[in-house]
Protein backbone atom coordinates (compact mmCIF):
# COMPACT_ATOMS: atom_id res chain seq x y z
CA MET A 1 -27.93 -28.61 36.69
CA SER A 2 -28.45 -25.32 38.91
CA SER A 3 -29.81 -22.25 37.12
CA GLY A 4 -26.77 -20.20 37.93
CA LEU A 5 -25.03 -22.41 36.52
CA THR A 6 -26.73 -22.63 33.27
CA THR A 7 -26.82 -18.90 33.11
CA LEU A 8 -23.29 -18.75 32.93
CA THR A 9 -23.06 -21.49 30.56
CA ILE A 10 -25.04 -19.89 28.25
CA ARG A 11 -23.28 -16.17 28.81
CA THR A 12 -19.30 -17.88 27.92
CA SER A 13 -21.19 -19.95 24.98
CA LEU A 14 -22.43 -16.79 23.90
CA LEU A 15 -19.14 -14.68 24.23
CA ILE A 16 -17.03 -17.33 22.49
CA CYS A 17 -19.66 -16.90 19.43
CA ALA A 18 -19.26 -13.15 19.64
CA LEU A 19 -15.44 -13.59 19.37
CA VAL A 20 -15.42 -15.79 16.97
CA ALA A 21 -17.63 -13.96 14.57
CA SER A 22 -15.87 -10.73 15.46
CA THR A 23 -12.80 -12.51 13.79
CA PRO A 24 -13.27 -11.99 9.71
CA ALA A 25 -12.84 -14.37 7.78
CA GLY A 26 -10.29 -13.06 5.08
CA ALA A 27 -8.33 -11.31 7.58
CA ALA A 28 -5.66 -9.21 5.87
CA THR A 29 -1.91 -10.69 5.26
CA GLU A 30 0.97 -9.20 7.09
CA LEU A 31 1.95 -8.34 3.56
CA GLU A 32 -1.86 -6.22 2.93
CA THR A 33 -1.11 -4.66 6.10
CA PHE A 34 2.58 -3.71 5.61
CA GLN A 35 1.33 -2.67 2.02
CA ARG A 36 -1.88 -0.40 3.38
CA ARG A 37 0.78 1.42 5.94
CA ILE A 38 3.34 2.16 3.12
CA GLY A 39 0.20 2.80 0.78
CA LYS A 40 -0.54 6.26 3.16
CA SER A 41 2.64 8.25 1.34
CA ALA A 42 2.63 6.19 -1.88
CA GLY A 43 0.38 5.24 -3.98
CA SER A 44 -0.45 1.81 -5.68
CA ALA A 45 1.32 1.21 -9.05
CA VAL A 46 -2.22 -0.08 -10.25
CA ASP A 47 -3.93 3.27 -9.55
CA TYR A 48 -1.69 5.31 -11.96
CA PRO A 49 -2.10 7.76 -12.63
CA ASP A 50 -4.51 8.49 -10.33
CA ARG A 51 -4.20 8.80 -6.70
CA ALA A 52 -1.12 10.16 -6.26
CA LYS A 53 -0.05 10.06 -2.67
CA GLY A 54 2.97 11.44 -2.01
CA SER A 55 5.38 14.10 -4.34
CA CYS A 56 9.39 13.30 -4.92
CA VAL A 57 12.33 14.42 -6.73
CA CYS A 58 14.63 12.12 -8.62
CA LEU A 59 17.96 12.55 -7.33
CA ALA A 60 19.72 10.27 -9.81
CA SER A 61 18.73 7.34 -12.48
CA LEU A 62 19.63 5.06 -15.07
CA VAL A 63 17.33 7.41 -17.13
CA THR A 64 19.15 10.40 -18.32
CA GLY A 65 17.15 13.54 -18.39
CA ILE A 66 15.06 12.62 -15.38
CA VAL A 67 17.24 13.99 -12.15
CA PHE A 68 16.26 16.80 -10.33
CA LYS A 69 12.63 16.12 -11.80
CA ALA A 70 9.51 15.65 -9.59
CA GLY A 71 7.44 12.80 -9.65
CA GLU A 72 5.05 10.75 -7.17
CA ILE A 73 5.42 8.04 -4.79
CA ARG A 74 4.39 4.31 -6.34
CA GLN A 75 4.46 1.24 -4.67
CA TYR A 76 3.90 -2.46 -5.83
CA ALA A 77 4.18 -5.58 -4.72
CA TYR A 78 7.04 -8.15 -6.71
CA GLY A 79 8.10 -11.74 -6.19
CA THR A 80 7.17 -15.14 -5.75
CA SER A 81 6.45 -16.95 -2.43
CA PRO A 82 8.10 -17.06 -0.13
CA ALA A 83 9.80 -13.53 -1.14
CA ILE A 84 7.33 -11.52 -2.16
CA ARG A 85 8.97 -7.80 -1.64
CA VAL A 86 7.40 -4.07 -2.00
CA ALA A 87 9.18 -1.83 -4.04
CA VAL A 88 9.06 1.72 -3.58
CA GLU A 89 10.11 4.05 -6.73
CA CYS A 90 9.17 7.88 -7.69
CA TRP A 91 7.67 7.74 -10.62
CA VAL A 92 8.34 10.90 -12.82
CA PRO A 93 5.63 11.48 -15.56
CA GLN A 94 6.06 12.36 -19.19
CA PHE A 95 3.79 14.62 -21.40
CA SER A 96 3.32 14.71 -24.80
CA ALA A 97 3.16 18.20 -26.59
CA ASP A 98 -0.61 18.62 -26.09
CA GLY A 99 0.02 18.54 -21.95
CA SER A 100 -1.57 14.89 -21.52
CA ARG A 101 0.47 12.12 -19.94
CA SER A 102 2.40 10.29 -21.95
CA GLY A 103 3.85 7.83 -19.55
CA PHE A 104 6.55 7.86 -16.61
CA ALA A 105 10.10 6.88 -16.12
CA ALA A 106 10.88 4.84 -12.99
CA CYS A 107 13.40 6.42 -10.62
CA TYR A 108 14.91 4.78 -7.53
CA ASN A 109 17.39 7.21 -5.87
CA PHE A 110 14.74 9.70 -4.86
CA THR A 111 13.47 12.24 -1.95
CA ALA A 112 10.27 12.49 -0.66
CA LEU A 113 8.64 15.89 -0.34
CA PRO A 114 7.17 16.73 2.41
CA LYS A 115 3.40 17.19 2.69
């Protein structure tokens, strides 16, 4: 084998190894990628009440008394494969008399407030 061909073979082998090594073993799934994109505006329900990303106003709700109330946009995945979906809701916080957060009411008909 000539010196030039050996060098080319080594460079090609190194390039292939580098490409394989740069591909993450735990690459994000399409669901995770979608949730990350939605997560720019909607905080994770898992992190509630911390890390709110967006604000919303409830326009209509099955729960009486929360129409036109302010809330936080939250998202979460639900369902089972092959039909896992991502829900986005407006969570209207509820507070006790001492001002501490005591829970929330979910609203499904809402508008996001501009940042």
